[in-house]
Amino acid sequence: MAECDECGAYENMPYQCHRCGNTFCSDHRLPESHNCPGLADWNDPSGVFDSGFDDSVRNRGRSDTGVFDRAKAYVGRQTSTGGVVSFFRGNATYLFLALMWVTFGFQFFIFSFFLGIPLTSSLWRSVFVLSTGHPLYVWTWITSVFAHGGFTHIAFNSIALYFFGPVVERRLGTKRFTALFLGAGALAGLAQVGATLLISPGIQTGVVGASGAIMAVMGLLTVLRPNLTVYLYFIIPMPLWLLTIGFAAFSAVAGLSSIGPGGIANWAHLAGLGLGLAYGAVVKRTRSVPESIRVGGGPGGPGRRRF
């Protein structure tokens, strides 16, 4: 017995889509019934029906096939169904994870090591940090979501997004999940900057990290599956609703007493959580979530386990 990746129904004889690799019930087995990303390449000669054969072999010695044509064919194969890029199509969670680590590399290696731009410089901050000094640097509303303050910061956020992101994305769909993640992340950062300006005017501070966006994901999941068992520090089991309430209470007290112990963006966490809870109330009327979270192997891949 398997679970349909579209509606969550259990199926004794499941169907596996050969284009996206996910498992579906009889009602959603057809590609058009589960919005399969392979549909976009149905009539693309370089996509579904591409043999992968390098045309340059057939045209060796001919002047009409140059480097540009071979490069174009290679890009077409990688971006079509079955290519490397196709893995991220319909899997925004893993795309966001990749962008977080790529941005981290730019922060601490490309900018600092190769370009020699100090981490405390105004240029570095203007690229990656949403700050009280320049809240209208609109690009930082997004770049600050993917930027992080250190390895521990990005590691914990990556673990949380890896566990909770895919199950929420399957229920919302990739487009809505993308809008939630980016929108909540940007608004959470702006909430932190705004709270700082109101509570402690004159203090120059900034915010980085995907914590606000991830809290929105957890808030939405709390509304849909409040009794989902999670493990605090990977050891202490508790229902998700209890963890959410405890975290919200801590963030509220810490946020009112100061801008945050240890540089924690408590108001960003609260804003992200509030957005997730509000959107979860809307989603709950029309969608459901599975009874367990699958971890490992990627969507539709081998080695998936249930918790």
C-alpha atoms as a PDB file:
ATOM      1  CA  MET A   1       0.000   0.000   0.000  1.00  0.00           C
ATOM      2  CA  ALA A   2       1.346   3.406  -0.994  1.00  0.00           C
ATOM      3  CA  GLU A   3       0.237   6.988  -0.598  1.00  0.00           C
ATOM      4  CA  CYS A   4      -0.753   9.210  -3.513  1.00  0.00           C
ATOM      5  CA  ASP A   5       1.637  12.159  -3.756  1.00  0.00           C
ATOM      6  CA  GLU A   6      -1.183  14.368  -5.067  1.00  0.00           C
ATOM      7  CA  CYS A   7      -4.145  13.787  -2.745  1.00  0.00           C
ATOM      8  CA  GLY A   8      -2.662  11.677   0.069  1.00  0.00           C
ATOM      9  CA  ALA A   9      -5.048   8.752  -0.488  1.00  0.00           C
ATOM     10  CA  TYR A  10      -3.762   5.230   0.139  1.00  0.00           C
ATOM     11  CA  GLU A  11      -3.674   2.927  -2.889  1.00  0.00           C
ATOM     12  CA  ASN A  12      -3.222  -0.849  -2.877  1.00  0.00           C
ATOM     13  CA  MET A  13      -1.998  -0.889  -6.478  1.00  0.00           C
ATOM     14  CA  PRO A  14      -0.297   2.493  -6.982  1.00  0.00           C
ATOM     15  CA  TYR A  15       0.811   3.975 -10.272  1.00  0.00           C
ATOM     16  CA  GLN A  16       4.229   5.527 -10.775  1.00  0.00           C
ATOM     17  CA  CYS A  17       4.592   8.322 -13.313  1.00  0.00           C
ATOM     18  CA  HIS A  18       7.529   7.634 -15.636  1.00  0.00           C
ATOM     19  CA  ARG A  19       8.078  11.341 -16.201  1.00  0.00           C
ATOM     20  CA  CYS A  20       8.213  12.816 -12.673  1.00  0.00           C
ATOM     21  CA  GLY A  21       8.759   9.562 -10.739  1.00  0.00           C
ATOM     22  CA  ASN A  22       6.062  10.215  -8.117  1.00  0.00           C
ATOM     23  CA  THR A  23       3.406   7.725  -6.972  1.00  0.00           C
ATOM     24  CA  PHE A  24      -0.312   8.294  -7.576  1.00  0.00           C
ATOM     25  CA  CYS A  25      -3.733   6.752  -7.152  1.00  0.00           C
ATOM     26  CA  SER A  26      -5.918   5.809 -10.105  1.00  0.00           C
ATOM     27  CA  ASP A  27      -7.561   9.241 -10.142  1.00  0.00           C
ATOM     28  CA  HIS A  28      -4.258  11.092 -10.479  1.00  0.00           C
ATOM     29  CA  ARG A  29      -2.165   8.599 -12.477  1.00  0.00           C
ATOM     30  CA  LEU A  30      -2.331  10.532 -15.748  1.00  0.00           C
ATOM     31  CA  PRO A  31       0.252  13.335 -16.148  1.00  0.00           C
ATOM     32  CA  GLU A  32      -2.436  15.960 -16.705  1.00  0.00           C
ATOM     33  CA  SER A  33      -4.195  14.880 -13.483  1.00  0.00           C
ATOM     34  CA  HIS A  34      -1.232  15.690 -11.226  1.00  0.00           C
ATOM     35  CA  ASN A  35       0.214  18.657 -13.128  1.00  0.00           C
ATOM     36  CA  CYS A  36       3.255  16.633 -14.164  1.00  0.00           C
ATOM     37  CA  PRO A  37       6.254  18.821 -15.108  1.00  0.00           C
ATOM     38  CA  GLY A  38       6.866  16.457 -18.038  1.00  0.00           C
ATOM     39  CA  LEU A  39       3.828  17.891 -19.804  1.00  0.00           C
ATOM     40  CA  ALA A  40       5.776  21.029 -20.599  1.00  0.00           C
ATOM     41  CA  ASP A  41       8.157  18.965 -22.746  1.00  0.00           C
ATOM     42  CA  TRP A  42       5.542  16.752 -24.404  1.00  0.00           C
ATOM     43  CA  ASN A  43       6.064  18.247 -27.849  1.00  0.00           C
ATOM     44  CA  ASP A  44       9.686  19.267 -27.324  1.00  0.00           C
ATOM     45  CA  PRO A  45      12.034  17.240 -29.544  1.00  0.00           C
ATOM     46  CA  SER A  46      14.892  18.003 -27.161  1.00  0.00           C
ATOM     47  CA  GLY A  47      12.827  16.962 -24.140  1.00  0.00           C
ATOM     48  CA  VAL A  48      10.765  13.784 -23.688  1.00  0.00           C
ATOM     49  CA  PHE A  49      11.710  12.262 -27.031  1.00  0.00           C
ATOM     50  CA  ASP A  50      15.359  13.316 -26.997  1.00  0.00           C
ATOM     51  CA  SER A  51      17.624  10.311 -27.400  1.00  0.00           C
ATOM     52  CA  GLY A  52      20.531  12.189 -25.863  1.00  0.00           C
ATOM     53  CA  PHE A  53      22.617  11.535 -28.974  1.00  0.00           C
ATOM     54  CA  ASP A  54      25.132  14.253 -29.698  1.00  0.00           C
ATOM     55  CA  ASP A  55      24.346  15.669 -33.144  1.00  0.00           C
ATOM     56  CA  SER A  56      27.932  16.828 -33.433  1.00  0.00           C
ATOM     57  CA  VAL A  57      28.933  13.193 -34.078  1.00  0.00           C
ATOM     58  CA  ARG A  58      26.692  12.999 -37.133  1.00  0.00           C
ATOM     59  CA  ASN A  59      27.823  16.423 -38.305  1.00  0.00           C
ATOM     60  CA  ARG A  60      31.527  16.005 -37.673  1.00  0.00           C
ATOM     61  CA  GLY A  61      33.455  17.888 -40.275  1.00  0.00           C
ATOM     62  CA  ARG A  62      30.460  19.986 -41.361  1.00  0.00           C
ATOM     63  CA  SER A  63      30.702  23.735 -40.970  1.00  0.00           C
ATOM     64  CA  ASP A  64      26.995  24.309 -40.105  1.00  0.00           C
ATOM     65  CA  THR A  65      27.313  22.839 -36.585  1.00  0.00           C
ATOM     66  CA  GLY A  66      29.490  24.958 -34.364  1.00  0.00           C
ATOM     67  CA  VAL A  67      30.213  25.398 -30.696  1.00  0.00           C
ATOM     68  CA  PHE A  68      27.057  27.474 -30.205  1.00  0.00           C
ATOM     69  CA  ASP A  69      24.820  24.721 -31.646  1.00  0.00           C
ATOM     70  CA  ARG A  70      26.428  22.036 -29.494  1.00  0.00           C
ATOM     71  CA  ALA A  71      26.142  24.218 -26.402  1.00  0.00           C
ATOM     72  CA  LYS A  72      22.478  24.906 -27.183  1.00  0.00           C
ATOM     73  CA  ALA A  73      21.784  21.182 -27.563  1.00  0.00           C
ATOM     74  CA  TYR A  74      23.547  20.432 -24.269  1.00  0.00           C
ATOM     75  CA  VAL A  75      21.555  23.087 -22.400  1.00  0.00           C
ATOM     76  CA  GLY A  76      18.356  21.735 -23.945  1.00  0.00           C
ATOM     77  CA  ARG A  77      19.096  18.229 -22.657  1.00  0.00           C
ATOM     78  CA  GLN A  78      19.903  19.438 -19.156  1.00  0.00           C
ATOM     79  CA  THR A  79      16.789  21.591 -18.860  1.00  0.00           C
ATOM     80  CA  SER A  80      14.394  19.054 -20.372  1.00  0.00           C
ATOM     81  CA  THR A  81      12.629  16.268 -18.490  1.00  0.00           C
ATOM     82  CA  GLY A  82      15.290  13.837 -17.306  1.00  0.00           C
ATOM     83  CA  GLY A  83      18.012  16.493 -17.197  1.00  0.00           C
ATOM     84  CA  VAL A  84      19.808  17.865 -14.152  1.00  0.00           C
ATOM     85  CA  VAL A  85      17.622  20.970 -13.918  1.00  0.00           C
ATOM     86  CA  SER A  86      14.447  18.870 -14.081  1.00  0.00           C
ATOM     87  CA  PHE A  87      15.153  17.644 -10.541  1.00  0.00           C
ATOM     88  CA  PHE A  88      14.333  21.115  -9.216  1.00  0.00           C
ATOM     89  CA  ARG A  89      11.209  21.447 -11.368  1.00  0.00           C
ATOM     90  CA  GLY A  90       8.339  21.012  -8.943  1.00  0.00           C
ATOM     91  CA  ASN A  91      10.794  20.747  -6.017  1.00  0.00           C
ATOM     92  CA  ALA A  92      11.183  24.329  -4.795  1.00  0.00           C
ATOM     93  CA  THR A  93      12.310  23.113  -1.361  1.00  0.00           C
ATOM     94  CA  TYR A  94      15.511  21.646  -2.775  1.00  0.00           C
ATOM     95  CA  LEU A  95      16.030  24.652  -5.029  1.00  0.00           C
ATOM     96  CA  PHE A  96      15.819  26.954  -1.997  1.00  0.00           C
ATOM     97  CA  LEU A  97      18.235  24.724  -0.094  1.00  0.00           C
ATOM     98  CA  ALA A  98      20.698  24.921  -2.977  1.00  0.00           C
ATOM     99  CA  LEU A  99      20.326  28.706  -3.212  1.00  0.00           C
ATOM    100  CA  MET A 100      20.975  29.036   0.525  1.00  0.00           C
ATOM    101  CA  TRP A 101      24.295  27.224   0.248  1.00  0.00           C
ATOM    102  CA  VAL A 102      25.284  28.980  -2.986  1.00  0.00           C
ATOM    103  CA  THR A 103      24.609  32.344  -1.316  1.00  0.00           C
ATOM    104  CA  PHE A 104      26.584  31.198   1.724  1.00  0.00           C
ATOM    105  CA  GLY A 105      29.496  30.425  -0.581  1.00  0.00           C
ATOM    106  CA  PHE A 106      29.310  33.894  -2.119  1.00  0.00           C
ATOM    107  CA  GLN A 107      29.149  35.504   1.341  1.00  0.00           C
ATOM    108  CA  PHE A 108      32.154  33.867   2.936  1.00  0.00           C
ATOM    109  CA  PHE A 109      34.295  32.629   0.035  1.00  0.00           C
ATOM    110  CA  ILE A 110      33.713  34.527  -3.193  1.00  0.00           C
ATOM    111  CA  PHE A 111      33.272  37.993  -1.664  1.00  0.00           C
ATOM    112  CA  SER A 112      35.609  37.588   1.299  1.00  0.00           C
ATOM    113  CA  PHE A 113      38.368  35.280   0.059  1.00  0.00           C
ATOM    114  CA  PHE A 114      38.537  35.800  -3.704  1.00  0.00           C
ATOM    115  CA  LEU A 115      37.371  39.419  -4.024  1.00  0.00           C
ATOM    116  CA  GLY A 116      38.858  40.589  -0.734  1.00  0.00           C
ATOM    117  CA  ILE A 117      35.663  42.355   0.415  1.00  0.00           C
ATOM    118  CA  PRO A 118      35.539  42.357   4.255  1.00  0.00           C
ATOM    119  CA  LEU A 119      32.467  40.861   5.930  1.00  0.00           C
ATOM    120  CA  THR A 120      31.867  44.098   7.819  1.00  0.00           C
ATOM    121  CA  SER A 121      32.145  46.371   4.778  1.00  0.00           C
ATOM    122  CA  SER A 122      29.229  48.475   3.588  1.00  0.00           C
ATOM    123  CA  LEU A 123      29.351  46.785   0.171  1.00  0.00           C
ATOM    124  CA  TRP A 124      29.045  43.299   1.677  1.00  0.00           C
ATOM    125  CA  ARG A 125      26.148  44.379   3.899  1.00  0.00           C
ATOM    126  CA  SER A 126      24.359  46.195   1.086  1.00  0.00           C
ATOM    127  CA  VAL A 127      24.297  42.978  -0.942  1.00  0.00           C
ATOM    128  CA  PHE A 128      23.288  40.423   1.692  1.00  0.00           C
ATOM    129  CA  VAL A 129      21.826  42.189   4.760  1.00  0.00           C
ATOM    130  CA  LEU A 130      18.395  43.770   5.215  1.00  0.00           C
ATOM    131  CA  SER A 131      19.280  46.592   7.592  1.00  0.00           C
ATOM    132  CA  THR A 132      17.692  49.419   9.514  1.00  0.00           C
ATOM    133  CA  GLY A 133      20.076  51.787   7.774  1.00  0.00           C
ATOM    134  CA  HIS A 134      18.877  50.899   4.282  1.00  0.00           C
ATOM    135  CA  PRO A 135      15.481  49.183   4.486  1.00  0.00           C
ATOM    136  CA  LEU A 136      14.598  50.344   0.956  1.00  0.00           C
ATOM    137  CA  TYR A 137      17.392  48.336  -0.661  1.00  0.00           C
ATOM    138  CA  VAL A 138      14.672  46.116  -2.099  1.00  0.00           C
ATOM    139  CA  TRP A 139      17.024  43.402  -3.379  1.00  0.00           C
ATOM    140  CA  THR A 140      18.031  42.650   0.214  1.00  0.00           C
ATOM    141  CA  TRP A 141      14.425  41.707   0.950  1.00  0.00           C
ATOM    142  CA  ILE A 142      15.208  38.500  -0.975  1.00  0.00           C
ATOM    143  CA  THR A 143      18.981  38.091  -0.708  1.00  0.00           C
ATOM    144  CA  SER A 144      18.784  38.331   3.094  1.00  0.00           C
ATOM    145  CA  VAL A 145      16.443  35.320   3.123  1.00  0.00           C
ATOM    146  CA  PHE A 146      19.136  33.113   1.554  1.00  0.00           C
ATOM    147  CA  ALA A 147      22.109  34.711   3.322  1.00  0.00           C
ATOM    148  CA  HIS A 148      23.121  33.446   6.776  1.00  0.00           C
ATOM    149  CA  GLY A 149      25.309  34.540   9.655  1.00  0.00           C
ATOM    150  CA  GLY A 150      27.456  31.422   9.930  1.00  0.00           C
ATOM    151  CA  PHE A 151      27.686  27.672   9.447  1.00  0.00           C
ATOM    152  CA  THR A 152      25.555  26.749  12.488  1.00  0.00           C
ATOM    153  CA  HIS A 153      22.853  29.184  11.386  1.00  0.00           C
ATOM    154  CA  ILE A 154      22.544  27.773   7.868  1.00  0.00           C
ATOM    155  CA  ALA A 155      22.921  24.174   9.058  1.00  0.00           C
ATOM    156  CA  PHE A 156      19.936  24.326  11.432  1.00  0.00           C
ATOM    157  CA  ASN A 157      17.798  26.185   8.918  1.00  0.00           C
ATOM    158  CA  SER A 158      18.692  23.631   6.241  1.00  0.00           C
ATOM    159  CA  ILE A 159      17.684  20.727   8.486  1.00  0.00           C
ATOM    160  CA  ALA A 160      14.335  22.337   9.314  1.00  0.00           C
ATOM    161  CA  LEU A 161      13.580  23.159   5.677  1.00  0.00           C
ATOM    162  CA  TYR A 162      14.598  19.667   4.532  1.00  0.00           C
ATOM    163  CA  PHE A 163      12.202  17.993   6.953  1.00  0.00           C
ATOM    164  CA  PHE A 164       9.199  20.310   6.805  1.00  0.00           C
ATOM    165  CA  GLY A 165       9.452  21.893   3.358  1.00  0.00           C
ATOM    166  CA  PRO A 166       8.636  18.946   1.060  1.00  0.00           C
ATOM    167  CA  VAL A 167       5.448  17.882   2.869  1.00  0.00           C
ATOM    168  CA  VAL A 168       4.078  21.445   2.788  1.00  0.00           C
ATOM    169  CA  GLU A 169       5.091  21.916  -0.851  1.00  0.00           C
ATOM    170  CA  ARG A 170       3.246  18.741  -1.859  1.00  0.00           C
ATOM    171  CA  ARG A 171       0.045  20.087  -0.309  1.00  0.00           C
ATOM    172  CA  LEU A 172       0.321  23.665  -1.541  1.00  0.00           C
ATOM    173  CA  GLY A 173       1.866  23.051  -4.915  1.00  0.00           C
ATOM    174  CA  THR A 174       5.183  24.518  -5.983  1.00  0.00           C
ATOM    175  CA  LYS A 175       3.876  27.947  -7.021  1.00  0.00           C
ATOM    176  CA  ARG A 176       2.024  28.596  -3.752  1.00  0.00           C
ATOM    177  CA  PHE A 177       4.871  27.204  -1.684  1.00  0.00           C
ATOM    178  CA  THR A 178       7.327  29.479  -3.491  1.00  0.00           C
ATOM    179  CA  ALA A 179       5.104  32.496  -2.873  1.00  0.00           C
ATOM    180  CA  LEU A 180       4.769  31.579   0.822  1.00  0.00           C
ATOM    181  CA  PHE A 181       8.493  31.045   1.339  1.00  0.00           C
ATOM    182  CA  LEU A 182       9.702  34.187  -0.431  1.00  0.00           C
ATOM    183  CA  GLY A 183       6.828  36.397   0.725  1.00  0.00           C
ATOM    184  CA  ALA A 184       7.014  35.323   4.360  1.00  0.00           C
ATOM    185  CA  GLY A 185      10.810  35.534   4.346  1.00  0.00           C
ATOM    186  CA  ALA A 186      10.802  39.107   3.038  1.00  0.00           C
ATOM    187  CA  LEU A 187       7.971  40.273   5.317  1.00  0.00           C
ATOM    188  CA  ALA A 188       9.580  38.645   8.349  1.00  0.00           C
ATOM    189  CA  GLY A 189      12.824  40.496   7.710  1.00  0.00           C
ATOM    190  CA  LEU A 190      10.965  43.785   7.288  1.00  0.00           C
ATOM    191  CA  ALA A 191       9.076  43.094  10.528  1.00  0.00           C
ATOM    192  CA  GLN A 192      12.367  42.676  12.388  1.00  0.00           C
ATOM    193  CA  VAL A 193      13.744  45.909  10.951  1.00  0.00           C
ATOM    194  CA  GLY A 194      10.499  47.749  11.709  1.00  0.00           C
ATOM    195  CA  ALA A 195      10.368  46.465  15.287  1.00  0.00           C
ATOM    196  CA  THR A 196      13.954  47.559  15.843  1.00  0.00           C
ATOM    197  CA  LEU A 197      13.216  51.070  14.581  1.00  0.00           C
ATOM    198  CA  LEU A 198      10.180  51.328  16.885  1.00  0.00           C
ATOM    199  CA  ILE A 199      11.539  49.707  20.050  1.00  0.00           C
ATOM    200  CA  SER A 200      15.161  50.839  19.847  1.00  0.00           C
ATOM    201  CA  PRO A 201      15.394  53.843  17.522  1.00  0.00           C
ATOM    202  CA  GLY A 202      18.913  54.769  16.603  1.00  0.00           C
ATOM    203  CA  ILE A 203      20.261  51.207  16.776  1.00  0.00           C
ATOM    204  CA  GLN A 204      21.830  50.074  13.514  1.00  0.00           C
ATOM    205  CA  THR A 205      21.196  46.393  12.964  1.00  0.00           C
ATOM    206  CA  GLY A 206      20.366  43.972  10.205  1.00  0.00           C
ATOM    207  CA  VAL A 207      18.790  40.603   9.581  1.00  0.00           C
ATOM    208  CA  VAL A 208      19.787  37.565   7.509  1.00  0.00           C
ATOM    209  CA  GLY A 209      18.524  34.014   7.307  1.00  0.00           C
ATOM    210  CA  ALA A 210      15.593  31.891   6.171  1.00  0.00           C
ATOM    211  CA  SER A 211      14.238  31.465   9.712  1.00  0.00           C
ATOM    212  CA  GLY A 212      11.184  33.660   9.107  1.00  0.00           C
ATOM    213  CA  ALA A 213      10.269  31.751   5.945  1.00  0.00           C
ATOM    214  CA  ILE A 214      10.780  28.399   7.664  1.00  0.00           C
ATOM    215  CA  MET A 215       8.634  29.496  10.608  1.00  0.00           C
ATOM    216  CA  ALA A 216       5.863  30.284   8.112  1.00  0.00           C
ATOM    217  CA  VAL A 217       6.176  26.737   6.765  1.00  0.00           C
ATOM    218  CA  MET A 218       6.013  25.312  10.291  1.00  0.00           C
ATOM    219  CA  GLY A 219       3.095  27.572  11.205  1.00  0.00           C
ATOM    220  CA  LEU A 220       1.092  26.366   8.221  1.00  0.00           C
ATOM    221  CA  LEU A 221       1.902  22.741   9.045  1.00  0.00           C
ATOM    222  CA  THR A 222       0.870  23.324  12.666  1.00  0.00           C
ATOM    223  CA  VAL A 223      -2.615  24.307  11.534  1.00  0.00           C
ATOM    224  CA  LEU A 224      -2.912  21.342   9.174  1.00  0.00           C
ATOM    225  CA  ARG A 225      -1.310  18.680  11.404  1.00  0.00           C
ATOM    226  CA  PRO A 226      -1.103  20.007  14.994  1.00  0.00           C
ATOM    227  CA  ASN A 227      -0.478  16.565  16.514  1.00  0.00           C
ATOM    228  CA  LEU A 228       2.424  15.685  14.220  1.00  0.00           C
ATOM    229  CA  THR A 229       5.217  14.349  16.440  1.00  0.00           C
ATOM    230  CA  VAL A 230       8.499  16.254  16.258  1.00  0.00           C
ATOM    231  CA  TYR A 231      11.689  15.801  18.243  1.00  0.00           C
ATOM    232  CA  LEU A 232      13.144  18.799  20.070  1.00  0.00           C
ATOM    233  CA  TYR A 233      16.942  18.621  19.764  1.00  0.00           C
ATOM    234  CA  PHE A 234      16.340  15.278  17.996  1.00  0.00           C
ATOM    235  CA  ILE A 235      15.616  13.686  21.400  1.00  0.00           C
ATOM    236  CA  ILE A 236      12.478  15.018  23.140  1.00  0.00           C
ATOM    237  CA  PRO A 237       9.214  14.013  21.405  1.00  0.00           C
ATOM    238  CA  MET A 238       6.321  16.464  21.440  1.00  0.00           C
ATOM    239  CA  PRO A 239       3.342  17.445  19.283  1.00  0.00           C
ATOM    240  CA  LEU A 240       4.025  20.183  16.773  1.00  0.00           C
ATOM    241  CA  TRP A 241       1.420  22.517  18.302  1.00  0.00           C
ATOM    242  CA  LEU A 242       3.219  22.500  21.653  1.00  0.00           C
ATOM    243  CA  LEU A 243       6.558  23.308  20.058  1.00  0.00           C
ATOM    244  CA  THR A 244       4.957  26.135  18.081  1.00  0.00           C
ATOM    245  CA  ILE A 245       3.281  27.691  21.133  1.00  0.00           C
ATOM    246  CA  GLY A 246       6.454  27.424  23.213  1.00  0.00           C
ATOM    247  CA  PHE A 247       8.577  28.979  20.495  1.00  0.00           C
ATOM    248  CA  ALA A 248       6.071  31.805  19.955  1.00  0.00           C
ATOM    249  CA  ALA A 249       5.952  32.584  23.678  1.00  0.00           C
ATOM    250  CA  PHE A 250       9.736  32.657  23.963  1.00  0.00           C
ATOM    251  CA  SER A 251      10.089  34.893  20.901  1.00  0.00           C
ATOM    252  CA  ALA A 252       7.433  37.318  22.161  1.00  0.00           C
ATOM    253  CA  VAL A 253       9.031  37.685  25.621  1.00  0.00           C
ATOM    254  CA  ALA A 254      12.541  37.995  24.178  1.00  0.00           C
ATOM    255  CA  GLY A 255      11.369  40.429  21.524  1.00  0.00           C
ATOM    256  CA  LEU A 256       9.691  42.730  24.051  1.00  0.00           C
ATOM    257  CA  SER A 257      12.573  42.641  26.488  1.00  0.00           C
ATOM    258  CA  SER A 258      15.207  43.398  23.868  1.00  0.00           C
ATOM    259  CA  ILE A 259      15.928  43.102  20.198  1.00  0.00           C
ATOM    260  CA  GLY A 260      17.014  39.557  20.827  1.00  0.00           C
ATOM    261  CA  PRO A 261      19.506  37.585  22.885  1.00  0.00           C
ATOM    262  CA  GLY A 262      22.536  36.538  20.902  1.00  0.00           C
ATOM    263  CA  GLY A 263      21.350  38.464  17.853  1.00  0.00           C
ATOM    264  CA  ILE A 264      18.240  36.293  17.376  1.00  0.00           C
ATOM    265  CA  ALA A 265      15.624  37.924  15.139  1.00  0.00           C
ATOM    266  CA  ASN A 266      12.652  37.145  17.374  1.00  0.00           C
ATOM    267  CA  TRP A 267      10.254  39.522  15.635  1.00  0.00           C
ATOM    268  CA  ALA A 268      11.107  37.977  12.277  1.00  0.00           C
ATOM    269  CA  HIS A 269      10.299  34.547  13.709  1.00  0.00           C
ATOM    270  CA  LEU A 270       6.971  35.776  15.082  1.00  0.00           C
ATOM    271  CA  ALA A 271       6.027  37.481  11.832  1.00  0.00           C
ATOM    272  CA  GLY A 272       6.838  34.371   9.784  1.00  0.00           C
ATOM    273  CA  LEU A 273       4.948  32.150  12.205  1.00  0.00           C
ATOM    274  CA  GLY A 274       1.909  34.441  12.157  1.00  0.00           C
ATOM    275  CA  LEU A 275       1.818  34.473   8.359  1.00  0.00           C
ATOM    276  CA  GLY A 276       2.058  30.681   8.260  1.00  0.00           C
ATOM    277  CA  LEU A 277      -0.738  30.226  10.808  1.00  0.00           C
ATOM    278  CA  ALA A 278      -2.996  32.652   8.943  1.00  0.00           C
ATOM    279  CA  TYR A 279      -2.409  31.023   5.567  1.00  0.00           C
ATOM    280  CA  GLY A 280      -2.775  27.582   7.124  1.00  0.00           C
ATOM    281  CA  ALA A 281      -6.285  28.477   8.270  1.00  0.00           C
ATOM    282  CA  VAL A 282      -7.165  29.257   4.642  1.00  0.00           C
ATOM    283  CA  VAL A 283      -5.533  26.120   3.240  1.00  0.00           C
ATOM    284  CA  LYS A 284      -7.103  23.811   5.823  1.00  0.00           C
ATOM    285  CA  ARG A 285     -10.555  24.266   4.319  1.00  0.00           C
ATOM    286  CA  THR A 286      -9.498  22.829   0.979  1.00  0.00           C
ATOM    287  CA  ARG A 287      -6.429  20.633   1.460  1.00  0.00           C
ATOM    288  CA  SER A 288      -5.155  17.865   3.697  1.00  0.00           C
ATOM    289  CA  VAL A 289      -1.694  16.600   4.630  1.00  0.00           C
ATOM    290  CA  PRO A 290      -0.371  13.044   5.089  1.00  0.00           C
ATOM    291  CA  GLU A 291      -0.152  11.305   8.425  1.00  0.00           C
ATOM    292  CA  SER A 292       3.638  11.087   8.222  1.00  0.00           C
ATOM    293  CA  ILE A 293       6.629  12.958   6.815  1.00  0.00           C
ATOM    294  CA  ARG A 294       8.820  11.157   4.306  1.00  0.00           C
ATOM    295  CA  VAL A 295      12.527  11.760   4.566  1.00  0.00           C
ATOM    296  CA  GLY A 296      15.377  10.799   2.242  1.00  0.00           C
ATOM    297  CA  GLY A 297      15.756   9.817  -1.391  1.00  0.00           C
ATOM    298  CA  GLY A 298      13.997  12.869  -2.817  1.00  0.00           C
ATOM    299  CA  PRO A 299      10.513  13.010  -4.326  1.00  0.00           C
ATOM    300  CA  GLY A 300       9.508   9.675  -5.806  1.00  0.00           C
ATOM    301  CA  GLY A 301      12.996   8.259  -5.232  1.00  0.00           C
ATOM    302  CA  PRO A 302      14.171   5.135  -3.395  1.00  0.00           C
ATOM    303  CA  GLY A 303      15.037   4.910   0.243  1.00  0.00           C
ATOM    304  CA  ARG A 304      12.144   6.951   1.621  1.00  0.00           C
ATOM    305  CA  ARG A 305      11.266   6.438   5.272  1.00  0.00           C
ATOM    306  CA  ARG A 306       8.239   7.480   7.282  1.00  0.00           C
ATOM    307  CA  PHE A 307       8.240   9.183  10.633  1.00  0.00           C
END
